[in-house]
Amino acid sequence: MDIIVCIKPVLDPDLPPVKFRVDSEKNRVIPPEGIPMVISPYDALAVEAALRIKEAKGGKVTVVTLGNPSAEGVMRKALAMGAEEGLILSDPAFEESDGFGTAHLLSQAVKKIGKYDLILCGRQAADWDVGMVGSVIAEYLGISVVTRAREIGVLDGKLKVERPVANGFETFEVALPAVVTLSSEFGQARIPSGWGIINAAKKKIPVWDGAQLGGDLSKVGKGAVRNQLLKLYIPAYERKCQMIEGKDAAEAAASLADKITELKPS
């Protein structure tokens, strides 16, 4: 089994809110100084799923990410978990791509890698929560996709995928190659071992720019976005309190009822 896992570096979702800053003019989050990016938690589950399949069926796991060179730390975490190879897609032309642009770049990387049986992604990224990249990769590649998987296995050359629905679970049998996105119901990702960290530190991680990747760069970057972010800001919460008085409880209750009636939208 040749498995490709797509991961995304994100700010640690467990950071306290006080650590987050927003540039409202440029509509972007300002990363806290000195705090490294992490693998988006759903993507870490995709790496875990790939490793479990490799351990059961053999094969190779290749991890691909889109980002700047600082994504190397996140990539080495995936290698320390047990992936054999890593690849970073980085080019100023890729910056500010939306989900469609990201999926285009990742699908081009998959085509250039060439040999694959299965592509795994997280169900959605922990920063924007859009949840579309895995499905659009499948569309660009013309292969099947199952989203929000809680279990995945390979039997007789086909995938068996189970995912939760409102009143239970659905089970799919899927021909390979295919794309599957992993959900939180899958479980927990493993913690890298000491030897895994040491081995990951020794590996060379290639970086492909637009020229090396190929494909239509008019589909990526700020000029190709299909959804425009109008405003990004930290919400401000305001509370107001008004004391209701009366000569006795009955009068105070009547005054309270009148006030609630006034505030009720028509």
Protein backbone atom coordinates (compact mmCIF):
# COMPACT_ATOMS: atom_id res chain seq x y z
CA MET A 1 0.00 0.00 0.00
CA ASP A 2 1.38 3.38 -1.04
CA ILE A 3 -0.39 5.97 1.08
CA ILE A 4 -0.19 9.77 0.77
CA VAL A 5 -1.31 11.86 3.74
CA CYS A 6 -2.06 15.56 3.40
CA ILE A 7 -1.45 17.60 6.56
CA LYS A 8 -1.73 21.27 7.49
CA PRO A 9 0.33 23.28 10.00
CA VAL A 10 -1.93 25.29 12.33
CA LEU A 11 -1.68 27.28 15.51
CA ASP A 12 -2.11 24.99 18.49
CA PRO A 13 -5.89 24.84 19.14
CA ASP A 14 -5.14 24.48 22.86
CA LEU A 15 -3.47 27.89 23.07
CA PRO A 16 -5.28 30.23 25.47
CA PRO A 17 -7.31 32.96 23.71
CA VAL A 18 -5.03 35.66 25.12
CA LYS A 19 -2.24 34.35 22.84
CA PHE A 20 -4.21 35.05 19.66
CA ARG A 21 -3.82 38.36 17.87
CA VAL A 22 -5.54 39.46 14.69
CA ASP A 23 -4.45 41.95 12.03
CA SER A 24 -7.87 43.29 11.04
CA GLU A 25 -6.46 45.32 8.13
CA LYS A 26 -4.81 42.34 6.45
CA ASN A 27 -7.42 39.83 7.73
CA ARG A 28 -4.90 37.42 9.15
CA VAL A 29 -3.97 35.84 12.46
CA ILE A 30 -0.61 36.89 13.89
CA PRO A 31 1.23 33.80 15.19
CA PRO A 32 2.45 34.09 18.79
CA GLU A 33 6.21 34.61 18.91
CA GLY A 34 8.18 31.54 19.86
CA ILE A 35 5.26 29.10 19.71
CA PRO A 36 5.65 26.50 16.93
CA MET A 37 2.88 25.36 14.62
CA VAL A 38 1.37 21.89 15.11
CA ILE A 39 -0.28 19.31 12.88
CA SER A 40 -3.99 19.98 12.60
CA PRO A 41 -5.50 17.37 14.96
CA TYR A 42 -7.70 15.70 12.34
CA ASP A 43 -4.66 15.46 10.04
CA ALA A 44 -2.68 13.77 12.82
CA LEU A 45 -5.43 11.13 12.87
CA ALA A 46 -4.98 10.71 9.11
CA VAL A 47 -1.27 10.01 9.70
CA GLU A 48 -2.21 7.52 12.42
CA ALA A 49 -4.68 5.76 10.10
CA ALA A 50 -2.02 5.49 7.39
CA LEU A 51 0.48 3.99 9.83
CA ARG A 52 -2.03 1.41 11.08
CA ILE A 53 -2.77 0.32 7.51
CA LYS A 54 0.95 0.14 6.73
CA GLU A 55 1.56 -1.97 9.83
CA ALA A 56 -1.23 -4.36 8.80
CA LYS A 57 -0.62 -4.52 5.05
CA GLY A 58 2.89 -3.16 4.48
CA GLY A 59 3.79 -0.32 2.17
CA LYS A 60 4.96 3.27 2.46
CA VAL A 61 3.54 6.48 3.91
CA THR A 62 4.36 9.83 2.29
CA VAL A 63 3.24 13.05 3.97
CA VAL A 64 2.63 16.24 1.98
CA THR A 65 2.02 19.74 3.30
CA LEU A 66 1.53 23.20 1.85
CA GLY A 67 3.30 26.04 3.63
CA ASN A 68 6.50 28.00 4.08
CA PRO A 69 9.80 26.44 5.21
CA SER A 70 8.69 26.78 8.84
CA ALA A 71 6.38 23.83 8.11
CA GLU A 72 9.44 21.59 8.43
CA GLY A 73 8.85 21.14 12.16
CA VAL A 74 5.33 19.88 11.56
CA MET A 75 6.57 17.58 8.81
CA ARG A 76 9.25 16.09 11.09
CA LYS A 77 6.55 15.32 13.66
CA ALA A 78 4.75 13.20 11.04
CA LEU A 79 8.04 11.51 10.11
CA ALA A 80 8.75 10.85 13.78
CA MET A 81 5.36 9.15 14.07
CA GLY A 82 6.48 6.67 11.41
CA ALA A 83 6.01 8.09 7.90
CA GLU A 84 8.84 7.27 5.48
CA GLU A 85 8.91 10.42 3.35
CA GLY A 86 7.82 14.03 3.55
CA LEU A 87 7.28 16.78 0.99
CA ILE A 88 6.69 20.52 1.44
CA LEU A 89 5.03 22.65 -1.24
CA SER A 90 6.24 26.23 -0.85
CA ASP A 91 6.17 29.22 -3.17
CA PRO A 92 5.08 32.85 -2.75
CA ALA A 93 2.60 32.17 -5.58
CA PHE A 94 0.83 29.62 -3.36
CA GLU A 95 0.16 32.07 -0.52
CA GLU A 96 -3.44 32.99 0.37
CA SER A 97 -4.86 30.09 -1.65
CA ASP A 98 -8.36 29.01 -0.63
CA GLY A 99 -9.51 25.40 -0.30
CA PHE A 100 -9.84 24.95 -4.06
CA GLY A 101 -6.33 26.28 -4.67
CA THR A 102 -4.89 24.13 -1.88
CA ALA A 103 -6.61 21.04 -3.29
CA HIS A 104 -5.25 21.83 -6.75
CA LEU A 105 -1.69 22.06 -5.45
CA LEU A 106 -1.99 18.87 -3.40
CA SER A 107 -3.53 16.96 -6.32
CA GLN A 108 -0.68 18.13 -8.57
CA ALA A 109 1.79 16.84 -5.98
CA VAL A 110 -0.01 13.49 -5.91
CA LYS A 111 0.17 13.26 -9.71
CA LYS A 112 3.89 14.02 -9.67
CA ILE A 113 4.56 11.49 -6.92
CA GLY A 114 2.78 9.10 -9.25
CA LYS A 115 2.37 5.88 -7.31
CA TYR A 116 -0.42 5.82 -4.72
CA ASP A 117 -3.25 3.61 -3.57
CA LEU A 118 -4.84 5.80 -0.93
CA ILE A 119 -4.93 9.48 0.04
CA LEU A 120 -5.83 10.40 3.61
CA CYS A 121 -6.73 13.84 5.01
CA GLY A 122 -8.32 15.23 8.13
CA ARG A 123 -12.04 15.94 7.87
CA GLN A 124 -11.30 19.67 8.28
CA ALA A 125 -8.53 21.97 9.43
CA ALA A 126 -8.52 23.17 13.01
CA ASP A 127 -8.16 26.83 12.01
CA TRP A 128 -10.83 27.58 9.38
CA ASP A 129 -12.96 24.41 9.71
CA VAL A 130 -14.03 24.49 6.06
CA GLY A 131 -13.63 20.75 5.45
CA MET A 132 -13.50 20.73 1.65
CA VAL A 133 -9.92 19.97 0.60
CA GLY A 134 -10.14 16.16 0.71
CA SER A 135 -13.29 16.08 -1.41
CA VAL A 136 -11.89 18.52 -3.97
CA ILE A 137 -8.65 16.52 -4.26
CA ALA A 138 -10.78 13.49 -5.15
CA GLU A 139 -12.66 15.58 -7.73
CA TYR A 140 -9.44 16.79 -9.35
CA LEU A 141 -8.04 13.24 -9.45
CA GLY A 142 -11.31 11.62 -10.56
CA ILE A 143 -11.40 9.05 -7.74
CA SER A 144 -13.84 8.08 -4.99
CA VAL A 145 -14.02 9.83 -1.62
CA VAL A 146 -15.50 8.97 1.78
CA THR A 147 -15.58 11.73 4.40
CA ARG A 148 -15.66 11.73 8.21
CA ALA A 149 -14.37 8.17 8.68
CA ARG A 150 -14.25 6.62 12.15
CA GLU A 151 -12.77 3.30 11.02
CA ILE A 152 -10.79 2.31 7.95
CA GLY A 153 -9.24 -0.94 6.81
CA VAL A 154 -8.17 -2.80 3.68
CA LEU A 155 -9.75 -6.16 2.80
CA ASP A 156 -9.28 -8.09 -0.46
CA GLY A 157 -7.80 -5.07 -2.21
CA LYS A 158 -10.67 -2.76 -1.27
CA LEU A 159 -11.25 -0.23 1.46
CA LYS A 160 -13.80 -0.80 4.17
CA VAL A 161 -14.75 2.54 5.69
CA GLU A 162 -17.20 3.26 8.50
CA ARG A 163 -18.47 6.72 9.32
CA PRO A 164 -20.98 8.09 11.82
CA VAL A 165 -24.37 9.48 10.85
CA ALA A 166 -27.17 10.95 12.94
CA ASN A 167 -28.72 7.65 14.00
CA GLY A 168 -25.83 5.18 13.74
CA PHE A 169 -23.09 4.32 11.26
CA GLU A 170 -22.63 3.80 7.52
CA THR A 171 -20.22 1.22 6.10
CA PHE A 172 -18.74 1.61 2.60
CA GLU A 173 -16.71 -0.70 0.41
CA VAL A 174 -14.53 1.42 -1.85
CA ALA A 175 -12.33 0.54 -4.81
CA LEU A 176 -8.76 1.88 -4.79
CA PRO A 177 -7.37 4.43 -5.35
CA ALA A 178 -9.54 6.63 -3.16
CA VAL A 179 -9.54 9.58 -0.77
CA VAL A 180 -10.72 9.23 2.85
CA THR A 181 -10.99 12.00 5.44
CA LEU A 182 -10.63 11.08 9.12
CA SER A 183 -12.83 12.29 11.97
CA SER A 184 -12.26 12.54 15.72
CA GLU A 185 -14.20 9.31 16.32
CA PHE A 186 -11.18 7.43 14.90
CA GLY A 187 -9.34 7.69 18.21
CA GLN A 188 -6.00 9.23 19.09
CA ALA A 189 -2.78 9.73 17.18
CA ARG A 190 0.34 8.07 18.55
CA ILE A 191 3.12 9.93 20.34
CA PRO A 192 6.46 9.69 18.49
CA SER A 193 9.09 7.50 20.11
CA GLY A 194 12.58 8.72 20.94
CA TRP A 195 14.06 6.73 18.04
CA GLY A 196 11.36 8.08 15.77
CA ILE A 197 12.35 11.65 16.62
CA ILE A 198 16.04 10.89 16.08
CA ASN A 199 15.42 9.21 12.71
CA ALA A 200 13.11 12.03 11.58
CA ALA A 201 15.78 14.62 12.35
CA LYS A 202 18.15 12.89 9.91
CA LYS A 203 15.78 12.81 6.94
CA LYS A 204 15.96 15.30 4.08
CA ILE A 205 12.64 16.91 3.26
CA PRO A 206 12.35 18.13 -0.34
CA VAL A 207 10.62 21.45 -1.04
CA TRP A 208 8.82 21.92 -4.36
CA ASP A 209 8.02 25.36 -5.73
CA GLY A 210 5.65 26.18 -8.56
CA ALA A 211 8.19 25.38 -11.28
CA GLN A 212 8.94 21.95 -9.83
CA LEU A 213 5.32 21.15 -9.10
CA GLY A 214 3.88 22.16 -12.44
CA GLY A 215 0.19 22.65 -13.03
CA ASP A 216 -1.84 25.78 -13.65
CA LEU A 217 -0.72 28.46 -11.17
CA SER A 218 -3.63 30.67 -12.23
CA LYS A 219 -5.79 28.38 -10.05
CA VAL A 220 -3.91 29.20 -6.85
CA GLY A 221 -3.02 32.22 -4.77
CA LYS A 222 -4.98 35.30 -3.80
CA GLY A 223 -6.14 36.04 -7.35
CA ALA A 224 -7.90 32.67 -7.68
CA VAL A 225 -9.92 32.59 -4.45
CA ARG A 226 -13.64 31.88 -4.86
CA ASN A 227 -14.65 33.11 -1.42
CA GLN A 228 -13.46 36.48 -0.19
CA LEU A 229 -12.83 37.09 3.50
CA LEU A 230 -14.38 40.45 4.26
CA LYS A 231 -13.51 40.84 7.92
CA LEU A 232 -11.52 38.95 10.54
CA TYR A 233 -11.74 40.16 14.11
CA ILE A 234 -11.85 39.06 17.72
CA PRO A 235 -15.45 39.46 18.94
CA ALA A 236 -16.18 41.86 21.76
CA TYR A 237 -18.68 40.75 24.37
CA GLU A 238 -20.73 43.27 26.33
CA ARG A 239 -23.03 42.64 29.27
CA LYS A 240 -25.53 45.04 30.75
CA CYS A 241 -27.38 44.74 34.03
CA GLN A 242 -30.46 46.64 35.13
CA MET A 243 -31.90 46.37 38.63
CA ILE A 244 -35.69 45.96 38.82
CA GLU A 245 -37.20 47.44 41.94
CA GLY A 246 -40.66 47.44 43.56
CA LYS A 247 -42.28 47.97 46.92
CA ASP A 248 -42.86 44.22 47.14
CA ALA A 249 -42.17 41.03 45.21
CA ALA A 250 -45.40 41.25 43.23
CA GLU A 251 -44.65 44.75 41.96
CA ALA A 252 -41.05 43.84 41.13
CA ALA A 253 -42.26 40.78 39.19
CA ALA A 254 -44.76 42.90 37.27
CA SER A 255 -42.04 45.43 36.42
CA LEU A 256 -39.76 42.61 35.30
CA ALA A 257 -42.48 41.21 33.04
CA ASP A 258 -43.04 44.65 31.49
CA LYS A 259 -39.30 45.03 30.85
CA ILE A 260 -39.02 41.61 29.21
CA THR A 261 -41.98 42.52 26.97
CA GLU A 262 -40.21 45.75 25.93
CA LEU A 263 -36.99 43.91 25.08
CA LYS A 264 -38.68 41.10 23.17
CA PRO A 265 -38.18 41.64 19.43
CA SER A 266 -41.38 42.26 17.49
